[in-house]
PDB file of N, CA and C in Angstrom:
ATOM      1  N   MET A   1     -15.011 -63.032  14.369  1.00  0.00           N
ATOM      2  CA  MET A   1     -15.704 -62.238  13.359  1.00  0.00           C
ATOM      3  C   MET A   1     -15.139 -62.599  11.988  1.00  0.00           C
ATOM      4  N   ASP A   2     -16.023 -62.832  11.041  1.00  0.00           N
ATOM      5  CA  ASP A   2     -15.564 -63.162   9.695  1.00  0.00           C
ATOM      6  C   ASP A   2     -15.134 -61.893   8.948  1.00  0.00           C
ATOM      7  N   ASP A   3     -14.352 -62.072   7.891  1.00  0.00           N
ATOM      8  CA  ASP A   3     -13.798 -60.941   7.140  1.00  0.00           C
ATOM      9  C   ASP A   3     -14.884 -60.043   6.548  1.00  0.00           C
ATOM     10  N   GLN A   4     -15.955 -60.616   6.013  1.00  0.00           N
ATOM     11  CA  GLN A   4     -17.001 -59.814   5.391  1.00  0.00           C
ATOM     12  C   GLN A   4     -17.669 -58.914   6.424  1.00  0.00           C
ATOM     13  N   THR A   5     -17.937 -59.442   7.611  1.00  0.00           N
ATOM     14  CA  THR A   5     -18.547 -58.633   8.673  1.00  0.00           C
ATOM     15  C   THR A   5     -17.599 -57.518   9.090  1.00  0.00           C
ATOM     16  N   ARG A   6     -16.314 -57.838   9.232  1.00  0.00           N
ATOM     17  CA  ARG A   6     -15.329 -56.812   9.593  1.00  0.00           C
ATOM     18  C   ARG A   6     -15.290 -55.699   8.552  1.00  0.00           C
ATOM     19  N   ILE A   7     -15.279 -56.070   7.281  1.00  0.00           N
ATOM     20  CA  ILE A   7     -15.273 -55.081   6.194  1.00  0.00           C
ATOM     21  C   ILE A   7     -16.522 -54.211   6.258  1.00  0.00           C
ATOM     22  N   GLU A   8     -17.663 -54.809   6.482  1.00  0.00           N
ATOM     23  CA  GLU A   8     -18.915 -54.054   6.561  1.00  0.00           C
ATOM     24  C   GLU A   8     -18.913 -53.100   7.753  1.00  0.00           C
ATOM     25  N   LEU A   9     -18.377 -53.534   8.880  1.00  0.00           N
ATOM     26  CA  LEU A   9     -18.296 -52.665  10.052  1.00  0.00           C
ATOM     27  C   LEU A   9     -17.327 -51.513   9.817  1.00  0.00           C
ATOM     28  N   GLU A  10     -16.190 -51.814   9.192  1.00  0.00           N
ATOM     29  CA  GLU A  10     -15.232 -50.752   8.874  1.00  0.00           C
ATOM     30  C   GLU A  10     -15.846 -49.741   7.908  1.00  0.00           C
ATOM     31  N   ALA A  11     -16.572 -50.219   6.926  1.00  0.00           N
ATOM     32  CA  ALA A  11     -17.232 -49.325   5.965  1.00  0.00           C
ATOM     33  C   ALA A  11     -18.284 -48.465   6.665  1.00  0.00           C
ATOM     34  N   ALA A  12     -19.035 -49.060   7.583  1.00  0.00           N
ATOM     35  CA  ALA A  12     -20.051 -48.302   8.330  1.00  0.00           C
ATOM     36  C   ALA A  12     -19.389 -47.224   9.181  1.00  0.00           C
ATOM     37  N   ALA A  13     -18.256 -47.552   9.803  1.00  0.00           N
ATOM     38  CA  ALA A  13     -17.541 -46.565  10.616  1.00  0.00           C
ATOM     39  C   ALA A  13     -17.024 -45.425   9.734  1.00  0.00           C
ATOM     40  N   PHE A  14     -16.514 -45.754   8.547  1.00  0.00           N
ATOM     41  CA  PHE A  14     -16.046 -44.721   7.618  1.00  0.00           C
ATOM     42  C   PHE A  14     -17.195 -43.814   7.199  1.00  0.00           C
ATOM     43  N   ARG A  15     -18.340 -44.404   6.878  1.00  0.00           N
ATOM     44  CA  ARG A  15     -19.507 -43.594   6.477  1.00  0.00           C
ATOM     45  C   ARG A  15     -19.952 -42.686   7.615  1.00  0.00           C
ATOM     46  N   ALA A  16     -19.903 -43.184   8.840  1.00  0.00           N
ATOM     47  CA  ALA A  16     -20.290 -42.364   9.997  1.00  0.00           C
ATOM     48  C   ALA A  16     -19.304 -41.210  10.187  1.00  0.00           C
ATOM     49  N   LEU A  17     -18.011 -41.472  10.009  1.00  0.00           N
ATOM     50  CA  LEU A  17     -17.011 -40.410  10.108  1.00  0.00           C
ATOM     51  C   LEU A  17     -17.234 -39.365   9.031  1.00  0.00           C
ATOM     52  N   ARG A  18     -17.460 -39.816   7.801  1.00  0.00           N
ATOM     53  CA  ARG A  18     -17.704 -38.891   6.707  1.00  0.00           C
ATOM     54  C   ARG A  18     -18.934 -38.027   6.982  1.00  0.00           C
ATOM     55  N   GLU A  19     -20.032 -38.652   7.406  1.00  0.00           N
ATOM     56  CA  GLU A  19     -21.248 -37.902   7.720  1.00  0.00           C
ATOM     57  C   GLU A  19     -20.999 -36.891   8.829  1.00  0.00           C
ATOM     58  N   HIS A  20     -20.273 -37.306   9.847  1.00  0.00           N
ATOM     59  CA  HIS A  20     -19.978 -36.409  10.964  1.00  0.00           C
ATOM     60  C   HIS A  20     -19.223 -35.174  10.482  1.00  0.00           C
ATOM     61  N   LEU A  21     -18.189 -35.391   9.662  1.00  0.00           N
ATOM     62  CA  LEU A  21     -17.361 -34.283   9.188  1.00  0.00           C
ATOM     63  C   LEU A  21     -18.050 -33.431   8.133  1.00  0.00           C
ATOM     64  N   MET A  22     -18.882 -34.044   7.299  1.00  0.00           N
ATOM     65  CA  MET A  22     -19.459 -33.332   6.166  1.00  0.00           C
ATOM     66  C   MET A  22     -20.828 -32.743   6.446  1.00  0.00           C
ATOM     67  N   GLU A  23     -21.522 -33.254   7.446  1.00  0.00           N
ATOM     68  CA  GLU A  23     -22.876 -32.770   7.711  1.00  0.00           C
ATOM     69  C   GLU A  23     -23.048 -32.178   9.109  1.00  0.00           C
ATOM     70  N   LYS A  24     -22.401 -32.777  10.092  1.00  0.00           N
ATOM     71  CA  LYS A  24     -22.616 -32.337  11.471  1.00  0.00           C
ATOM     72  C   LYS A  24     -21.574 -31.340  11.950  1.00  0.00           C
ATOM     73  N   ARG A  25     -20.348 -31.405  11.412  1.00  0.00           N
ATOM     74  CA  ARG A  25     -19.274 -30.535  11.886  1.00  0.00           C
ATOM     75  C   ARG A  25     -18.577 -29.803  10.744  1.00  0.00           C
ATOM     76  N   THR A  26     -19.379 -29.171   9.909  1.00  0.00           N
ATOM     77  CA  THR A  26     -18.807 -28.384   8.817  1.00  0.00           C
ATOM     78  C   THR A  26     -18.036 -27.177   9.352  1.00  0.00           C
ATOM     79  N   ASP A  27     -18.259 -26.849  10.624  1.00  0.00           N
ATOM     80  CA  ASP A  27     -17.551 -25.730  11.242  1.00  0.00           C
ATOM     81  C   ASP A  27     -16.087 -26.045  11.542  1.00  0.00           C
ATOM     82  N   VAL A  28     -15.748 -27.320  11.613  1.00  0.00           N
ATOM     83  CA  VAL A  28     -14.370 -27.710  11.891  1.00  0.00           C
ATOM     84  C   VAL A  28     -13.560 -27.557  10.601  1.00  0.00           C
ATOM     85  N   GLN A  29     -12.541 -26.746  10.663  1.00  0.00           N
ATOM     86  CA  GLN A  29     -11.735 -26.447   9.486  1.00  0.00           C
ATOM     87  C   GLN A  29     -10.692 -27.541   9.235  1.00  0.00           C
ATOM     88  N   ASN A  30     -10.434 -27.820   7.967  1.00  0.00           N
ATOM     89  CA  ASN A  30      -9.412 -28.805   7.602  1.00  0.00           C
ATOM     90  C   ASN A  30      -8.059 -28.460   8.210  1.00  0.00           C
ATOM     91  N   ILE A  31      -7.710 -27.197   8.197  1.00  0.00           N
ATOM     92  CA  ILE A  31      -6.398 -26.792   8.708  1.00  0.00           C
ATOM     93  C   ILE A  31      -6.288 -27.121  10.194  1.00  0.00           C
ATOM     94  N   ASP A  32      -7.370 -26.958  10.942  1.00  0.00           N
ATOM     95  CA  ASP A  32      -7.348 -27.284  12.366  1.00  0.00           C
ATOM     96  C   ASP A  32      -7.227 -28.789  12.571  1.00  0.00           C
ATOM     97  N   MET A  33      -7.933 -29.565  11.753  1.00  0.00           N
ATOM     98  CA  MET A  33      -7.833 -31.022  11.841  1.00  0.00           C
ATOM     99  C   MET A  33      -6.404 -31.473  11.556  1.00  0.00           C
ATOM    100  N   MET A  34      -5.801 -30.938  10.503  1.00  0.00           N
ATOM    101  CA  MET A  34      -4.438 -31.332  10.135  1.00  0.00           C
ATOM    102  C   MET A  34      -3.465 -30.937  11.238  1.00  0.00           C
ATOM    103  N   ASN A  35      -3.627 -29.733  11.768  1.00  0.00           N
ATOM    104  CA  ASN A  35      -2.699 -29.266  12.789  1.00  0.00           C
ATOM    105  C   ASN A  35      -2.808 -30.076  14.079  1.00  0.00           C
ATOM    106  N   LEU A  36      -4.005 -30.528  14.405  1.00  0.00           N
ATOM    107  CA  LEU A  36      -4.206 -31.273  15.655  1.00  0.00           C
ATOM    108  C   LEU A  36      -4.076 -32.788  15.498  1.00  0.00           C
ATOM    109  N   ALA A  37      -4.599 -33.318  14.394  1.00  0.00           N
ATOM    110  CA  ALA A  37      -4.696 -34.772  14.250  1.00  0.00           C
ATOM    111  C   ALA A  37      -3.770 -35.352  13.185  1.00  0.00           C
ATOM    112  N   GLY A  38      -3.232 -34.498  12.326  1.00  0.00           N
ATOM    113  CA  GLY A  38      -2.348 -34.996  11.286  1.00  0.00           C
ATOM    114  C   GLY A  38      -3.067 -35.520  10.053  1.00  0.00           C
ATOM    115  N   PHE A  39      -4.376 -35.295   9.974  1.00  0.00           N
ATOM    116  CA  PHE A  39      -5.143 -35.641   8.776  1.00  0.00           C
ATOM    117  C   PHE A  39      -6.363 -34.733   8.719  1.00  0.00           C
ATOM    118  N   CYS A  40      -6.976 -34.671   7.533  1.00  0.00           N
ATOM    119  CA  CYS A  40      -8.169 -33.845   7.355  1.00  0.00           C
ATOM    120  C   CYS A  40      -9.072 -34.484   6.304  1.00  0.00           C
ATOM    121  N   ARG A  41     -10.102 -33.789   5.914  1.00  0.00           N
ATOM    122  CA  ARG A  41     -11.025 -34.304   4.899  1.00  0.00           C
ATOM    123  C   ARG A  41     -10.293 -34.614   3.594  1.00  0.00           C
ATOM    124  N   ASN A  42      -9.338 -33.770   3.224  1.00  0.00           N
ATOM    125  CA  ASN A  42      -8.591 -34.006   1.987  1.00  0.00           C
ATOM    126  C   ASN A  42      -7.776 -35.287   2.077  1.00  0.00           C
ATOM    127  N   CYS A  43      -7.234 -35.584   3.252  1.00  0.00           N
ATOM    128  CA  CYS A  43      -6.501 -36.847   3.441  1.00  0.00           C
ATOM    129  C   CYS A  43      -7.447 -38.025   3.259  1.00  0.00           C
ATOM    130  N   LEU A  44      -8.627 -37.938   3.856  1.00  0.00           N
ATOM    131  CA  LEU A  44      -9.607 -39.017   3.724  1.00  0.00           C
ATOM    132  C   LEU A  44      -9.988 -39.228   2.270  1.00  0.00           C
ATOM    133  N   SER A  45     -10.169 -38.142   1.523  1.00  0.00           N
ATOM    134  CA  SER A  45     -10.510 -38.298   0.102  1.00  0.00           C
ATOM    135  C   SER A  45      -9.324 -38.862  -0.672  1.00  0.00           C
ATOM    136  N   ARG A  46      -8.096 -38.505  -0.288  1.00  0.00           N
ATOM    137  CA  ARG A  46      -6.906 -39.049  -0.953  1.00  0.00           C
ATOM    138  C   ARG A  46      -6.787 -40.540  -0.670  1.00  0.00           C
ATOM    139  N   TRP A  47      -7.056 -40.964   0.554  1.00  0.00           N
ATOM    140  CA  TRP A  47      -7.008 -42.391   0.879  1.00  0.00           C
ATOM    141  C   TRP A  47      -8.057 -43.159   0.068  1.00  0.00           C
ATOM    142  N   TYR A  48      -9.213 -42.547  -0.135  1.00  0.00           N
ATOM    143  CA  TYR A  48     -10.271 -43.138  -0.961  1.00  0.00           C
ATOM    144  C   TYR A  48      -9.760 -43.294  -2.398  1.00  0.00           C
ATOM    145  N   GLN A  49      -9.143 -42.236  -2.911  1.00  0.00           N
ATOM    146  CA  GLN A  49      -8.587 -42.266  -4.268  1.00  0.00           C
ATOM    147  C   GLN A  49      -7.524 -43.341  -4.390  1.00  0.00           C
ATOM    148  N   GLU A  50      -6.625 -43.406  -3.426  1.00  0.00           N
ATOM    149  CA  GLU A  50      -5.560 -44.399  -3.472  1.00  0.00           C
ATOM    150  C   GLU A  50      -6.128 -45.820  -3.457  1.00  0.00           C
ATOM    151  N   ALA A  51      -7.148 -46.057  -2.646  1.00  0.00           N
ATOM    152  CA  ALA A  51      -7.780 -47.382  -2.597  1.00  0.00           C
ATOM    153  C   ALA A  51      -8.400 -47.719  -3.948  1.00  0.00           C
ATOM    154  N   ALA A  52      -9.048 -46.731  -4.575  1.00  0.00           N
ATOM    155  CA  ALA A  52      -9.635 -46.958  -5.902  1.00  0.00           C
ATOM    156  C   ALA A  52      -8.547 -47.275  -6.916  1.00  0.00           C
ATOM    157  N   ASN A  53      -7.486 -46.459  -6.926  1.00  0.00           N
ATOM    158  CA  ASN A  53      -6.392 -46.660  -7.879  1.00  0.00           C
ATOM    159  C   ASN A  53      -5.731 -48.022  -7.700  1.00  0.00           C
ATOM    160  N   GLU A  54      -5.573 -48.466  -6.448  1.00  0.00           N
ATOM    161  CA  GLU A  54      -4.976 -49.780  -6.187  1.00  0.00           C
ATOM    162  C   GLU A  54      -5.821 -50.911  -6.756  1.00  0.00           C
ATOM    163  N   ARG A  55      -7.100 -50.662  -6.929  1.00  0.00           N
ATOM    164  CA  ARG A  55      -8.013 -51.670  -7.470  1.00  0.00           C
ATOM    165  C   ARG A  55      -8.247 -51.483  -8.971  1.00  0.00           C
ATOM    166  N   GLY A  56      -7.435 -50.628  -9.595  1.00  0.00           N
ATOM    167  CA  GLY A  56      -7.538 -50.422 -11.030  1.00  0.00           C
ATOM    168  C   GLY A  56      -8.632 -49.456 -11.445  1.00  0.00           C
ATOM    169  N   ILE A  57      -9.205 -48.730 -10.500  1.00  0.00           N
ATOM    170  CA  ILE A  57     -10.238 -47.740 -10.795  1.00  0.00           C
ATOM    171  C   ILE A  57      -9.555 -46.387 -10.958  1.00  0.00           C
ATOM    172  N   GLU A  58      -9.677 -45.811 -12.147  1.00  0.00           N
ATOM    173  CA  GLU A  58      -9.062 -44.508 -12.384  1.00  0.00           C
ATOM    174  C   GLU A  58      -9.860 -43.428 -11.668  1.00  0.00           C
ATOM    175  N   MET A  59      -9.163 -42.678 -10.825  1.00  0.00           N
ATOM    176  CA  MET A  59      -9.795 -41.592 -10.090  1.00  0.00           C
ATOM    177  C   MET A  59      -8.707 -40.585  -9.758  1.00  0.00           C
ATOM    178  N   ASP A  60      -8.950 -39.322 -10.104  1.00  0.00           N
ATOM    179  CA  ASP A  60      -7.981 -38.299  -9.751  1.00  0.00           C
ATOM    180  C   ASP A  60      -8.394 -37.618  -8.446  1.00  0.00           C
ATOM    181  N   LYS A  61      -7.535 -36.722  -7.989  1.00  0.00           N
ATOM    182  CA  LYS A  61      -7.746 -36.034  -6.715  1.00  0.00           C
ATOM    183  C   LYS A  61      -9.078 -35.294  -6.679  1.00  0.00           C
ATOM    184  N   ASN A  62      -9.393 -34.579  -7.746  1.00  0.00           N
ATOM    185  CA  ASN A  62     -10.633 -33.797  -7.756  1.00  0.00           C
ATOM    186  C   ASN A  62     -11.878 -34.680  -7.729  1.00  0.00           C
ATOM    187  N   ALA A  63     -11.841 -35.797  -8.456  1.00  0.00           N
ATOM    188  CA  ALA A  63     -12.987 -36.717  -8.445  1.00  0.00           C
ATOM    189  C   ALA A  63     -13.174 -37.324  -7.062  1.00  0.00           C
ATOM    190  N   ALA A  64     -12.076 -37.714  -6.419  1.00  0.00           N
ATOM    191  CA  ALA A  64     -12.164 -38.292  -5.074  1.00  0.00           C
ATOM    192  C   ALA A  64     -12.697 -37.275  -4.076  1.00  0.00           C
ATOM    193  N   ARG A  65     -12.231 -36.047  -4.187  1.00  0.00           N
ATOM    194  CA  ARG A  65     -12.724 -35.007  -3.275  1.00  0.00           C
ATOM    195  C   ARG A  65     -14.214 -34.756  -3.492  1.00  0.00           C
ATOM    196  N   GLU A  66     -14.646 -34.726  -4.741  1.00  0.00           N
ATOM    197  CA  GLU A  66     -16.063 -34.490  -5.011  1.00  0.00           C
ATOM    198  C   GLU A  66     -16.917 -35.634  -4.460  1.00  0.00           C
ATOM    199  N   ILE A  67     -16.427 -36.861  -4.565  1.00  0.00           N
ATOM    200  CA  ILE A  67     -17.155 -38.000  -3.994  1.00  0.00           C
ATOM    201  C   ILE A  67     -17.216 -37.859  -2.482  1.00  0.00           C
ATOM    202  N   PHE A  68     -16.073 -37.565  -1.848  1.00  0.00           N
ATOM    203  CA  PHE A  68     -16.039 -37.485  -0.386  1.00  0.00           C
ATOM    204  C   PHE A  68     -16.834 -36.288   0.134  1.00  0.00           C
ATOM    205  N   TYR A  69     -16.619 -35.123  -0.468  1.00  0.00           N
ATOM    206  CA  TYR A  69     -17.268 -33.895  -0.011  1.00  0.00           C
ATOM    207  C   TYR A  69     -18.741 -33.819  -0.415  1.00  0.00           C
ATOM    208  N   GLY A  70     -19.097 -34.531  -1.472  1.00  0.00           N
ATOM    209  CA  GLY A  70     -20.459 -34.423  -1.975  1.00  0.00           C
ATOM    210  C   GLY A  70     -20.685 -33.135  -2.751  1.00  0.00           C
ATOM    211  N   MET A  71     -19.600 -32.483  -3.099  1.00  0.00           N
ATOM    212  CA  MET A  71     -19.626 -31.221  -3.858  1.00  0.00           C
ATOM    213  C   MET A  71     -18.201 -30.945  -4.310  1.00  0.00           C
ATOM    214  N   THR A  72     -18.042 -29.958  -5.168  1.00  0.00           N
ATOM    215  CA  THR A  72     -16.693 -29.595  -5.605  1.00  0.00           C
ATOM    216  C   THR A  72     -15.965 -28.891  -4.462  1.00  0.00           C
ATOM    217  N   MET A  73     -14.644 -28.868  -4.554  1.00  0.00           N
ATOM    218  CA  MET A  73     -13.858 -28.149  -3.553  1.00  0.00           C
ATOM    219  C   MET A  73     -14.205 -26.668  -3.545  1.00  0.00           C
ATOM    220  N   ASP A  74     -14.448 -26.111  -4.711  1.00  0.00           N
ATOM    221  CA  ASP A  74     -14.818 -24.694  -4.772  1.00  0.00           C
ATOM    222  C   ASP A  74     -16.111 -24.436  -4.000  1.00  0.00           C
ATOM    223  N   GLU A  75     -17.083 -25.341  -4.164  1.00  0.00           N
ATOM    224  CA  GLU A  75     -18.343 -25.187  -3.415  1.00  0.00           C
ATOM    225  C   GLU A  75     -18.102 -25.303  -1.912  1.00  0.00           C
ATOM    226  N   TRP A  76     -17.291 -26.292  -1.513  1.00  0.00           N
ATOM    227  CA  TRP A  76     -16.996 -26.463  -0.082  1.00  0.00           C
ATOM    228  C   TRP A  76     -16.332 -25.209   0.482  1.00  0.00           C
ATOM    229  N   LYS A  77     -15.328 -24.716  -0.226  1.00  0.00           N
ATOM    230  CA  LYS A  77     -14.606 -23.535   0.245  1.00  0.00           C
ATOM    231  C   LYS A  77     -15.535 -22.336   0.371  1.00  0.00           C
ATOM    232  N   THR A  78     -16.398 -22.154  -0.609  1.00  0.00           N
ATOM    233  CA  THR A  78     -17.337 -21.033  -0.571  1.00  0.00           C
ATOM    234  C   THR A  78     -18.303 -21.151   0.604  1.00  0.00           C
ATOM    235  N   ASN A  79     -18.787 -22.355   0.849  1.00  0.00           N
ATOM    236  CA  ASN A  79     -19.802 -22.562   1.881  1.00  0.00           C
ATOM    237  C   ASN A  79     -19.247 -22.678   3.296  1.00  0.00           C
ATOM    238  N   TYR A  80     -18.038 -23.226   3.447  1.00  0.00           N
ATOM    239  CA  TYR A  80     -17.597 -23.601   4.791  1.00  0.00           C
ATOM    240  C   TYR A  80     -16.199 -23.153   5.201  1.00  0.00           C
ATOM    241  N   GLN A  81     -15.309 -22.926   4.262  1.00  0.00           N
ATOM    242  CA  GLN A  81     -13.930 -22.624   4.638  1.00  0.00           C
ATOM    243  C   GLN A  81     -13.776 -21.179   5.064  1.00  0.00           C
ATOM    244  N   THR A  82     -13.052 -20.988   6.159  1.00  0.00           N
ATOM    245  CA  THR A  82     -12.757 -19.636   6.638  1.00  0.00           C
ATOM    246  C   THR A  82     -11.271 -19.359   6.436  1.00  0.00           C
ATOM    247  N   ASP A  83     -10.901 -18.098   6.534  1.00  0.00           N
ATOM    248  CA  ASP A  83      -9.497 -17.727   6.386  1.00  0.00           C
ATOM    249  C   ASP A  83      -8.706 -18.225   7.587  1.00  0.00           C
ATOM    250  N   ALA A  84      -7.496 -18.669   7.325  1.00  0.00           N
ATOM    251  CA  ALA A  84      -6.605 -19.157   8.380  1.00  0.00           C
ATOM    252  C   ALA A  84      -5.549 -18.101   8.675  1.00  0.00           C
ATOM    253  N   SER A  85      -5.230 -17.965   9.940  1.00  0.00           N
ATOM    254  CA  SER A  85      -4.197 -17.021  10.350  1.00  0.00           C
ATOM    255  C   SER A  85      -2.834 -17.481   9.850  1.00  0.00           C
ATOM    256  N   ALA A  86      -1.881 -16.561   9.848  1.00  0.00           N
ATOM    257  CA  ALA A  86      -0.512 -16.900   9.447  1.00  0.00           C
ATOM    258  C   ALA A  86       0.058 -17.970  10.376  1.00  0.00           C
ATOM    259  N   GLU A  87      -0.295 -17.908  11.646  1.00  0.00           N
ATOM    260  CA  GLU A  87       0.180 -18.899  12.618  1.00  0.00           C
ATOM    261  C   GLU A  87      -0.359 -20.296  12.280  1.00  0.00           C
ATOM    262  N   LYS A  88      -1.647 -20.383  11.971  1.00  0.00           N
ATOM    263  CA  LYS A  88      -2.233 -21.673  11.601  1.00  0.00           C
ATOM    264  C   LYS A  88      -1.627 -22.201  10.313  1.00  0.00           C
ATOM    265  N   GLN A  89      -1.353 -21.307   9.368  1.00  0.00           N
ATOM    266  CA  GLN A  89      -0.754 -21.728   8.105  1.00  0.00           C
ATOM    267  C   GLN A  89       0.655 -22.272   8.325  1.00  0.00           C
ATOM    268  N   ALA A  90       1.406 -21.658   9.229  1.00  0.00           N
ATOM    269  CA  ALA A  90       2.756 -22.146   9.541  1.00  0.00           C
ATOM    270  C   ALA A  90       2.676 -23.516  10.220  1.00  0.00           C
ATOM    271  N   GLU A  91       1.738 -23.681  11.140  1.00  0.00           N
ATOM    272  CA  GLU A  91       1.544 -24.976  11.797  1.00  0.00           C
ATOM    273  C   GLU A  91       1.165 -26.038  10.757  1.00  0.00           C
ATOM    274  N   PHE A  92       0.317 -25.641   9.805  1.00  0.00           N
ATOM    275  CA  PHE A  92      -0.122 -26.566   8.767  1.00  0.00           C
ATOM    276  C   PHE A  92       1.053 -27.036   7.922  1.00  0.00           C
ATOM    277  N   THR A  93       1.923 -26.132   7.543  1.00  0.00           N
ATOM    278  CA  THR A  93       3.080 -26.500   6.724  1.00  0.00           C
ATOM    279  C   THR A  93       3.888 -27.588   7.423  1.00  0.00           C
ATOM    280  N   LYS A  94       4.100 -27.434   8.715  1.00  0.00           N
ATOM    281  CA  LYS A  94       4.842 -28.429   9.499  1.00  0.00           C
ATOM    282  C   LYS A  94       4.055 -29.738   9.587  1.00  0.00           C
ATOM    283  N   ALA A  95       2.775 -29.663   9.922  1.00  0.00           N
ATOM    284  CA  ALA A  95       1.941 -30.861  10.059  1.00  0.00           C
ATOM    285  C   ALA A  95       1.831 -31.613   8.731  1.00  0.00           C
ATOM    286  N   PHE A  96       1.680 -30.875   7.650  1.00  0.00           N
ATOM    287  CA  PHE A  96       1.573 -31.495   6.323  1.00  0.00           C
ATOM    288  C   PHE A  96       2.848 -32.261   5.988  1.00  0.00           C
ATOM    289  N   ALA A  97       3.988 -31.614   6.209  1.00  0.00           N
ATOM    290  CA  ALA A  97       5.276 -32.255   5.912  1.00  0.00           C
ATOM    291  C   ALA A  97       5.463 -33.514   6.748  1.00  0.00           C
ATOM    292  N   GLU A  98       5.068 -33.460   8.020  1.00  0.00           N
ATOM    293  CA  GLU A  98       5.255 -34.603   8.916  1.00  0.00           C
ATOM    294  C   GLU A  98       4.288 -35.753   8.602  1.00  0.00           C
ATOM    295  N   ASN A  99       3.075 -35.430   8.180  1.00  0.00           N
ATOM    296  CA  ASN A  99       2.035 -36.447   8.050  1.00  0.00           C
ATOM    297  C   ASN A  99       1.706 -36.850   6.627  1.00  0.00           C
ATOM    298  N   VAL A 100       1.950 -35.989   5.675  1.00  0.00           N
ATOM    299  CA  VAL A 100       1.582 -36.270   4.295  1.00  0.00           C
ATOM    300  C   VAL A 100       2.801 -36.306   3.396  1.00  0.00           C
ATOM    301  N   GLY A 101       3.652 -35.308   3.501  1.00  0.00           N
ATOM    302  CA  GLY A 101       4.849 -35.252   2.671  1.00  0.00           C
ATOM    303  C   GLY A 101       4.504 -35.225   1.203  1.00  0.00           C
ATOM    304  N   ASP A 102       5.230 -36.008   0.416  1.00  0.00           N
ATOM    305  CA  ASP A 102       5.035 -36.038  -1.032  1.00  0.00           C
ATOM    306  C   ASP A 102       3.717 -36.670  -1.450  1.00  0.00           C
ATOM    307  N   ALA A 103       3.086 -37.452  -0.570  1.00  0.00           N
ATOM    308  CA  ALA A 103       1.842 -38.141  -0.928  1.00  0.00           C
ATOM    309  C   ALA A 103       0.721 -37.162  -1.234  1.00  0.00           C
ATOM    310  N   GLY A 104       0.803 -35.954  -0.707  1.00  0.00           N
ATOM    311  CA  GLY A 104      -0.275 -34.993  -0.911  1.00  0.00           C
ATOM    312  C   GLY A 104      -0.204 -34.236  -2.217  1.00  0.00           C
ATOM    313  N   LYS A 105       0.799 -34.494  -3.005  1.00  0.00           N
ATOM    314  CA  LYS A 105       0.957 -33.751  -4.264  1.00  0.00           C
ATOM    315  C   LYS A 105       0.225 -34.398  -5.389  1.00  0.00           C
TER     316      LYS A 105
END
């Protein structure tokens, strides 16, 4: 497989993942994803931002999230985010530290 085809396939897989998370499974909470898988929608948007920044494209966290989410974080939270229990929040703190650390700031 040539590099261009590989890149196109990887991009298609990323778009399918984004569509799945943003359109088909809005019921899945970021906190649950982070606690179980070690990443969430915010991580995906941060990776997008980091890739842009590495290529000299200025993009901050909020712009990357709006591109990934297709809306502002406030809109996403209003439409889809539910309250997390104290137990889930404690699990998240541990998962975040293990998987994101300082990169998430």
